[in-house]
PDB file of all heavy atoms in Angstrom:
ATOM      1  N   PRO A   1      -0.461  -8.319   4.759  1.00  0.00           N
ATOM      2  CA  PRO A   1       0.236  -7.802   5.940  1.00  0.00           C
ATOM      3  C   PRO A   1       1.329  -6.818   5.533  1.00  0.00           C
ATOM      4  O   PRO A   1       1.959  -6.970   4.482  1.00  0.00           O
ATOM      5  CB  PRO A   1       0.842  -9.055   6.579  1.00  0.00           C
ATOM      6  CG  PRO A   1       0.043 -10.194   6.035  1.00  0.00           C
ATOM      7  CD  PRO A   1      -0.342  -9.787   4.646  1.00  0.00           C
ATOM      8  N   ASN A   2       1.534  -5.805   6.369  1.00  0.00           N
ATOM      9  CA  ASN A   2       2.597  -4.838   6.076  1.00  0.00           C
ATOM     10  C   ASN A   2       2.992  -4.099   7.350  1.00  0.00           C
ATOM     11  O   ASN A   2       2.147  -3.524   8.027  1.00  0.00           O
ATOM     12  CB  ASN A   2       2.138  -3.816   5.046  1.00  0.00           C
ATOM     13  CG  ASN A   2       3.181  -2.736   4.826  1.00  0.00           C
ATOM     14  OD1 ASN A   2       4.184  -2.982   4.168  1.00  0.00           O
ATOM     15  ND2 ASN A   2       2.967  -1.554   5.384  1.00  0.00           N
ATOM     16  N   ASP A   3       4.279  -4.115   7.657  1.00  0.00           N
ATOM     17  CA  ASP A   3       4.805  -3.367   8.792  1.00  0.00           C
ATOM     18  C   ASP A   3       5.742  -2.241   8.366  1.00  0.00           C
ATOM     19  O   ASP A   3       6.247  -1.502   9.208  1.00  0.00           O
ATOM     20  CB  ASP A   3       5.562  -4.302   9.753  1.00  0.00           C
ATOM     21  CG  ASP A   3       4.623  -5.176  10.576  1.00  0.00           C
ATOM     22  OD1 ASP A   3       3.425  -4.842  10.659  1.00  0.00           O
ATOM     23  OD2 ASP A   3       5.093  -6.195  11.124  1.00  0.00           O
ATOM     24  N   ALA A   4       5.979  -2.103   7.077  1.00  0.00           N
ATOM     25  CA  ALA A   4       6.910  -1.098   6.572  1.00  0.00           C
ATOM     26  C   ALA A   4       6.178   0.215   6.284  1.00  0.00           C
ATOM     27  O   ALA A   4       4.957   0.242   6.100  1.00  0.00           O
ATOM     28  CB  ALA A   4       7.588  -1.595   5.300  1.00  0.00           C
ATOM     29  N   ASP A   5       6.925   1.309   6.241  1.00  0.00           N
ATOM     30  CA  ASP A   5       6.361   2.582   5.828  1.00  0.00           C
ATOM     31  C   ASP A   5       5.854   2.480   4.389  1.00  0.00           C
ATOM     32  O   ASP A   5       6.457   1.797   3.553  1.00  0.00           O
ATOM     33  CB  ASP A   5       7.412   3.681   5.900  1.00  0.00           C
ATOM     34  CG  ASP A   5       7.678   4.157   7.325  1.00  0.00           C
ATOM     35  OD1 ASP A   5       7.040   3.626   8.254  1.00  0.00           O
ATOM     36  OD2 ASP A   5       8.524   5.041   7.491  1.00  0.00           O
ATOM     37  N   LEU A   6       4.761   3.174   4.106  1.00  0.00           N
ATOM     38  CA  LEU A   6       4.211   3.227   2.754  1.00  0.00           C
ATOM     39  C   LEU A   6       4.528   4.562   2.115  1.00  0.00           C
ATOM     40  O   LEU A   6       4.599   5.593   2.788  1.00  0.00           O
ATOM     41  CB  LEU A   6       2.691   3.037   2.779  1.00  0.00           C
ATOM     42  CG  LEU A   6       2.129   1.678   3.168  1.00  0.00           C
ATOM     43  CD1 LEU A   6       0.606   1.725   3.111  1.00  0.00           C
ATOM     44  CD2 LEU A   6       2.664   0.584   2.275  1.00  0.00           C
ATOM     45  N   SER A   7       4.682   4.555   0.805  1.00  0.00           N
ATOM     46  CA  SER A   7       4.846   5.779   0.032  1.00  0.00           C
ATOM     47  C   SER A   7       4.131   5.602  -1.296  1.00  0.00           C
ATOM     48  O   SER A   7       3.624   4.511  -1.610  1.00  0.00           O
ATOM     49  CB  SER A   7       6.333   6.077  -0.206  1.00  0.00           C
ATOM     50  OG  SER A   7       6.865   5.179  -1.168  1.00  0.00           O
ATOM     51  N   LEU A   8       4.113   6.638  -2.104  1.00  0.00           N
ATOM     52  CA  LEU A   8       3.491   6.550  -3.420  1.00  0.00           C
ATOM     53  C   LEU A   8       4.253   5.628  -4.360  1.00  0.00           C
ATOM     54  O   LEU A   8       3.736   5.192  -5.379  1.00  0.00           O
ATOM     55  CB  LEU A   8       3.383   7.947  -4.049  1.00  0.00           C
ATOM     56  CG  LEU A   8       2.434   8.912  -3.340  1.00  0.00           C
ATOM     57  CD1 LEU A   8       2.479  10.277  -4.003  1.00  0.00           C
ATOM     58  CD2 LEU A   8       1.019   8.368  -3.340  1.00  0.00           C
ATOM     59  N   GLU A   9       5.484   5.330  -3.994  1.00  0.00           N
ATOM     60  CA  GLU A   9       6.317   4.469  -4.835  1.00  0.00           C
ATOM     61  C   GLU A   9       6.245   2.997  -4.428  1.00  0.00           C
ATOM     62  O   GLU A   9       6.760   2.128  -5.138  1.00  0.00           O
ATOM     63  CB  GLU A   9       7.783   4.925  -4.785  1.00  0.00           C
ATOM     64  CG  GLU A   9       8.052   6.278  -5.451  1.00  0.00           C
ATOM     65  CD  GLU A   9       7.507   7.449  -4.657  1.00  0.00           C
ATOM     66  OE1 GLU A   9       7.625   7.418  -3.403  1.00  0.00           O
ATOM     67  OE2 GLU A   9       6.946   8.381  -5.264  1.00  0.00           O
ATOM     68  N   THR A  10       5.619   2.681  -3.303  1.00  0.00           N
ATOM     69  CA  THR A  10       5.579   1.303  -2.822  1.00  0.00           C
ATOM     70  C   THR A  10       4.746   0.438  -3.765  1.00  0.00           C
ATOM     71  O   THR A  10       3.567   0.733  -4.011  1.00  0.00           O
ATOM     72  CB  THR A  10       4.973   1.223  -1.412  1.00  0.00           C
ATOM     73  OG1 THR A  10       5.675   2.119  -0.547  1.00  0.00           O
ATOM     74  CG2 THR A  10       5.075  -0.197  -0.866  1.00  0.00           C
ATOM     75  N   PRO A  11       5.312  -0.662  -4.288  1.00  0.00           N
ATOM     76  CA  PRO A  11       4.533  -1.529  -5.183  1.00  0.00           C
ATOM     77  C   PRO A  11       3.649  -2.497  -4.394  1.00  0.00           C
ATOM     78  O   PRO A  11       3.984  -2.887  -3.271  1.00  0.00           O
ATOM     79  CB  PRO A  11       5.612  -2.292  -5.958  1.00  0.00           C
ATOM     80  CG  PRO A  11       6.768  -2.363  -4.992  1.00  0.00           C
ATOM     81  CD  PRO A  11       6.727  -1.079  -4.198  1.00  0.00           C
ATOM     82  N   CYS A  12       2.557  -2.888  -4.998  1.00  0.00           N
ATOM     83  CA  CYS A  12       1.697  -3.905  -4.402  1.00  0.00           C
ATOM     84  C   CYS A  12       2.411  -5.248  -4.461  1.00  0.00           C
ATOM     85  O   CYS A  12       2.970  -5.625  -5.494  1.00  0.00           O
ATOM     86  CB  CYS A  12       0.374  -3.978  -5.159  1.00  0.00           C
ATOM     87  SG  CYS A  12      -0.692  -5.357  -4.683  1.00  0.00           S
ATOM     88  N   GLY A  13       2.366  -5.992  -3.364  1.00  0.00           N
ATOM     89  CA  GLY A  13       3.016  -7.300  -3.331  1.00  0.00           C
ATOM     90  C   GLY A  13       2.309  -8.330  -4.185  1.00  0.00           C
ATOM     91  O   GLY A  13       2.888  -9.372  -4.509  1.00  0.00           O
ATOM     92  N   SER A  14       1.061  -8.050  -4.597  1.00  0.00           N
ATOM     93  CA  SER A  14       0.312  -9.010  -5.392  1.00  0.00           C
ATOM     94  C   SER A  14       0.359  -8.692  -6.886  1.00  0.00           C
ATOM     95  O   SER A  14       0.656  -9.565  -7.702  1.00  0.00           O
ATOM     96  CB  SER A  14      -1.151  -9.057  -4.929  1.00  0.00           C
ATOM     97  OG  SER A  14      -1.241  -9.557  -3.603  1.00  0.00           O
ATOM     98  N   CYS A  15       0.069  -7.444  -7.245  1.00  0.00           N
ATOM     99  CA  CYS A  15       0.025  -7.101  -8.674  1.00  0.00           C
ATOM    100  C   CYS A  15       1.227  -6.279  -9.126  1.00  0.00           C
ATOM    101  O   CYS A  15       1.365  -6.000 -10.319  1.00  0.00           O
ATOM    102  CB  CYS A  15      -1.268  -6.368  -9.008  1.00  0.00           C
ATOM    103  SG  CYS A  15      -1.383  -4.694  -8.336  1.00  0.00           S
ATOM    104  N   ALA A  16       2.049  -5.865  -8.174  1.00  0.00           N
ATOM    105  CA  ALA A  16       3.307  -5.137  -8.437  1.00  0.00           C
ATOM    106  C   ALA A  16       3.107  -3.702  -8.916  1.00  0.00           C
ATOM    107  O   ALA A  16       4.086  -3.020  -9.224  1.00  0.00           O
ATOM    108  CB  ALA A  16       4.178  -5.894  -9.440  1.00  0.00           C
ATOM    109  N   ARG A  17       1.876  -3.214  -8.953  1.00  0.00           N
ATOM    110  CA  ARG A  17       1.664  -1.833  -9.392  1.00  0.00           C
ATOM    111  C   ARG A  17       2.028  -0.872  -8.269  1.00  0.00           C
ATOM    112  O   ARG A  17       1.605  -1.049  -7.124  1.00  0.00           O
ATOM    113  CB  ARG A  17       0.207  -1.611  -9.790  1.00  0.00           C
ATOM    114  CG  ARG A  17      -0.192  -2.305 -11.085  1.00  0.00           C
ATOM    115  CD  ARG A  17      -1.543  -1.810 -11.559  1.00  0.00           C
ATOM    116  NE  ARG A  17      -1.506  -0.381 -11.920  1.00  0.00           N
ATOM    117  CZ  ARG A  17      -2.578   0.308 -12.303  1.00  0.00           C
ATOM    118  NH1 ARG A  17      -3.763  -0.289 -12.385  1.00  0.00           N
ATOM    119  NH2 ARG A  17      -2.475   1.585 -12.608  1.00  0.00           N
ATOM    120  N   PRO A  18       2.816   0.155  -8.545  1.00  0.00           N
ATOM    121  CA  PRO A  18       3.150   1.144  -7.522  1.00  0.00           C
ATOM    122  C   PRO A  18       2.058   2.202  -7.399  1.00  0.00           C
ATOM    123  O   PRO A  18       1.262   2.410  -8.318  1.00  0.00           O
ATOM    124  CB  PRO A  18       4.441   1.771  -8.053  1.00  0.00           C
ATOM    125  CG  PRO A  18       4.294   1.667  -9.541  1.00  0.00           C
ATOM    126  CD  PRO A  18       3.528   0.385  -9.798  1.00  0.00           C
ATOM    127  N   GLY A  19       2.013   2.850  -6.240  1.00  0.00           N
ATOM    128  CA  GLY A  19       1.108   3.974  -6.050  1.00  0.00           C
ATOM    129  C   GLY A  19      -0.340   3.629  -5.830  1.00  0.00           C
ATOM    130  O   GLY A  19      -1.197   4.517  -5.829  1.00  0.00           O
ATOM    131  N   LYS A  20      -0.649   2.349  -5.652  1.00  0.00           N
ATOM    132  CA  LYS A  20      -2.046   1.939  -5.486  1.00  0.00           C
ATOM    133  C   LYS A  20      -2.365   1.441  -4.066  1.00  0.00           C
ATOM    134  O   LYS A  20      -3.505   1.085  -3.782  1.00  0.00           O
ATOM    135  CB  LYS A  20      -2.389   0.838  -6.485  1.00  0.00           C
ATOM    136  CG  LYS A  20      -2.326   1.284  -7.945  1.00  0.00           C
ATOM    137  CD  LYS A  20      -3.352   2.370  -8.227  1.00  0.00           C
ATOM    138  CE  LYS A  20      -3.338   2.790  -9.685  1.00  0.00           C
ATOM    139  NZ  LYS A  20      -4.344   3.849  -9.949  1.00  0.00           N
ATOM    140  N   LEU A  21      -1.359   1.425  -3.201  1.00  0.00           N
ATOM    141  CA  LEU A  21      -1.582   0.912  -1.853  1.00  0.00           C
ATOM    142  C   LEU A  21      -2.114   1.997  -0.919  1.00  0.00           C
ATOM    143  O   LEU A  21      -1.732   3.162  -1.020  1.00  0.00           O
ATOM    144  CB  LEU A  21      -0.288   0.344  -1.282  1.00  0.00           C
ATOM    145  CG  LEU A  21       0.262  -0.917  -1.938  1.00  0.00           C
ATOM    146  CD1 LEU A  21       1.571  -1.324  -1.267  1.00  0.00           C
ATOM    147  CD2 LEU A  21      -0.748  -2.062  -1.873  1.00  0.00           C
ATOM    148  N   ARG A  22      -2.978   1.588  -0.006  1.00  0.00           N
ATOM    149  CA  ARG A  22      -3.495   2.462   1.040  1.00  0.00           C
ATOM    150  C   ARG A  22      -3.558   1.658   2.333  1.00  0.00           C
ATOM    151  O   ARG A  22      -3.607   0.418   2.296  1.00  0.00           O
ATOM    152  CB  ARG A  22      -4.882   2.992   0.694  1.00  0.00           C
ATOM    153  CG  ARG A  22      -5.910   1.909   0.423  1.00  0.00           C
ATOM    154  CD  ARG A  22      -7.334   2.431   0.469  1.00  0.00           C
ATOM    155  NE  ARG A  22      -7.806   2.578   1.839  1.00  0.00           N
ATOM    156  CZ  ARG A  22      -9.029   2.990   2.165  1.00  0.00           C
ATOM    157  NH1 ARG A  22      -9.890   3.321   1.223  1.00  0.00           N
ATOM    158  NH2 ARG A  22      -9.405   3.098   3.428  1.00  0.00           N
ATOM    159  N   PRO A  23      -3.566   2.314   3.474  1.00  0.00           N
ATOM    160  CA  PRO A  23      -3.756   1.579   4.723  1.00  0.00           C
ATOM    161  C   PRO A  23      -5.084   0.815   4.704  1.00  0.00           C
ATOM    162  O   PRO A  23      -6.088   1.319   4.186  1.00  0.00           O
ATOM    163  CB  PRO A  23      -3.764   2.678   5.788  1.00  0.00           C
ATOM    164  CG  PRO A  23      -3.055   3.828   5.162  1.00  0.00           C
ATOM    165  CD  PRO A  23      -3.394   3.763   3.704  1.00  0.00           C
ATOM    166  N   HIS A  24      -5.098  -0.375   5.252  1.00  0.00           N
ATOM    167  CA  HIS A  24      -6.330  -1.162   5.317  1.00  0.00           C
ATOM    168  C   HIS A  24      -7.132  -0.729   6.541  1.00  0.00           C
ATOM    169  O   HIS A  24      -7.296  -1.459   7.517  1.00  0.00           O
ATOM    170  CB  HIS A  24      -6.000  -2.652   5.389  1.00  0.00           C
ATOM    171  CG  HIS A  24      -7.211  -3.530   5.426  1.00  0.00           C
ATOM    172  ND1 HIS A  24      -8.230  -3.462   4.494  1.00  0.00           N
ATOM    173  CD2 HIS A  24      -7.575  -4.510   6.306  1.00  0.00           C
ATOM    174  CE1 HIS A  24      -9.158  -4.357   4.793  1.00  0.00           C
ATOM    175  NE2 HIS A  24      -8.796  -4.994   5.886  1.00  0.00           N
ATOM    176  N   VAL A  25      -7.581   0.508   6.490  1.00  0.00           N
ATOM    177  CA  VAL A  25      -8.379   1.073   7.565  1.00  0.00           C
ATOM    178  C   VAL A  25      -9.629   1.700   6.981  1.00  0.00           C
ATOM    179  O   VAL A  25      -9.658   2.101   5.815  1.00  0.00           O
ATOM    180  CB  VAL A  25      -7.586   2.126   8.371  1.00  0.00           C
ATOM    181  CG1 VAL A  25      -6.367   1.494   9.026  1.00  0.00           C
ATOM    182  CG2 VAL A  25      -7.189   3.304   7.512  1.00  0.00           C
ATOM    183  N   VAL A  26     -10.669   1.762   7.795  1.00  0.00           N
ATOM    184  CA  VAL A  26     -11.928   2.385   7.380  1.00  0.00           C
ATOM    185  C   VAL A  26     -11.863   3.860   7.745  1.00  0.00           C
ATOM    186  O   VAL A  26     -11.742   4.213   8.917  1.00  0.00           O
ATOM    187  CB  VAL A  26     -13.126   1.708   8.076  1.00  0.00           C
ATOM    188  CG1 VAL A  26     -14.420   2.441   7.743  1.00  0.00           C
ATOM    189  CG2 VAL A  26     -13.221   0.243   7.664  1.00  0.00           C
ATOM    190  N   TRP A  27     -11.951   4.706   6.728  1.00  0.00           N
ATOM    191  CA  TRP A  27     -11.925   6.151   6.958  1.00  0.00           C
ATOM    192  C   TRP A  27     -13.331   6.694   7.140  1.00  0.00           C
ATOM    193  O   TRP A  27     -14.326   6.030   6.818  1.00  0.00           O
ATOM    194  CB  TRP A  27     -11.252   6.843   5.768  1.00  0.00           C
ATOM    195  CG  TRP A  27      -9.764   6.639   5.714  1.00  0.00           C
ATOM    196  CD1 TRP A  27      -8.911   6.571   6.773  1.00  0.00           C
ATOM    197  CD2 TRP A  27      -8.960   6.471   4.541  1.00  0.00           C
ATOM    198  NE1 TRP A  27      -7.617   6.388   6.336  1.00  0.00           N
ATOM    199  CE2 TRP A  27      -7.615   6.320   4.976  1.00  0.00           C
ATOM    200  CE3 TRP A  27      -9.230   6.449   3.172  1.00  0.00           C
ATOM    201  CZ2 TRP A  27      -6.557   6.144   4.091  1.00  0.00           C
ATOM    202  CZ3 TRP A  27      -8.177   6.278   2.291  1.00  0.00           C
ATOM    203  CH2 TRP A  27      -6.853   6.136   2.742  1.00  0.00           C
ATOM    204  N   PHE A  28     -13.425   7.898   7.679  1.00  0.00           N
ATOM    205  CA  PHE A  28     -14.720   8.553   7.823  1.00  0.00           C
ATOM    206  C   PHE A  28     -15.357   8.677   6.441  1.00  0.00           C
ATOM    207  O   PHE A  28     -14.713   9.076   5.475  1.00  0.00           O
ATOM    208  CB  PHE A  28     -14.548   9.937   8.465  1.00  0.00           C
ATOM    209  CG  PHE A  28     -14.225   9.875   9.929  1.00  0.00           C
ATOM    210  CD1 PHE A  28     -12.913   9.790  10.354  1.00  0.00           C
ATOM    211  CD2 PHE A  28     -15.236   9.875  10.881  1.00  0.00           C
ATOM    212  CE1 PHE A  28     -12.602   9.715  11.708  1.00  0.00           C
ATOM    213  CE2 PHE A  28     -14.942   9.806  12.233  1.00  0.00           C
ATOM    214  CZ  PHE A  28     -13.622   9.723  12.648  1.00  0.00           C
TER     215      PHE A  28
END
């Protein structure tokens, strides 16, 4: 779950790696 703005610097809450998060949406 996430309600905050995302950026390239946002770390993953599970693995803590930054820059790897994307919206959980299906793109074209």
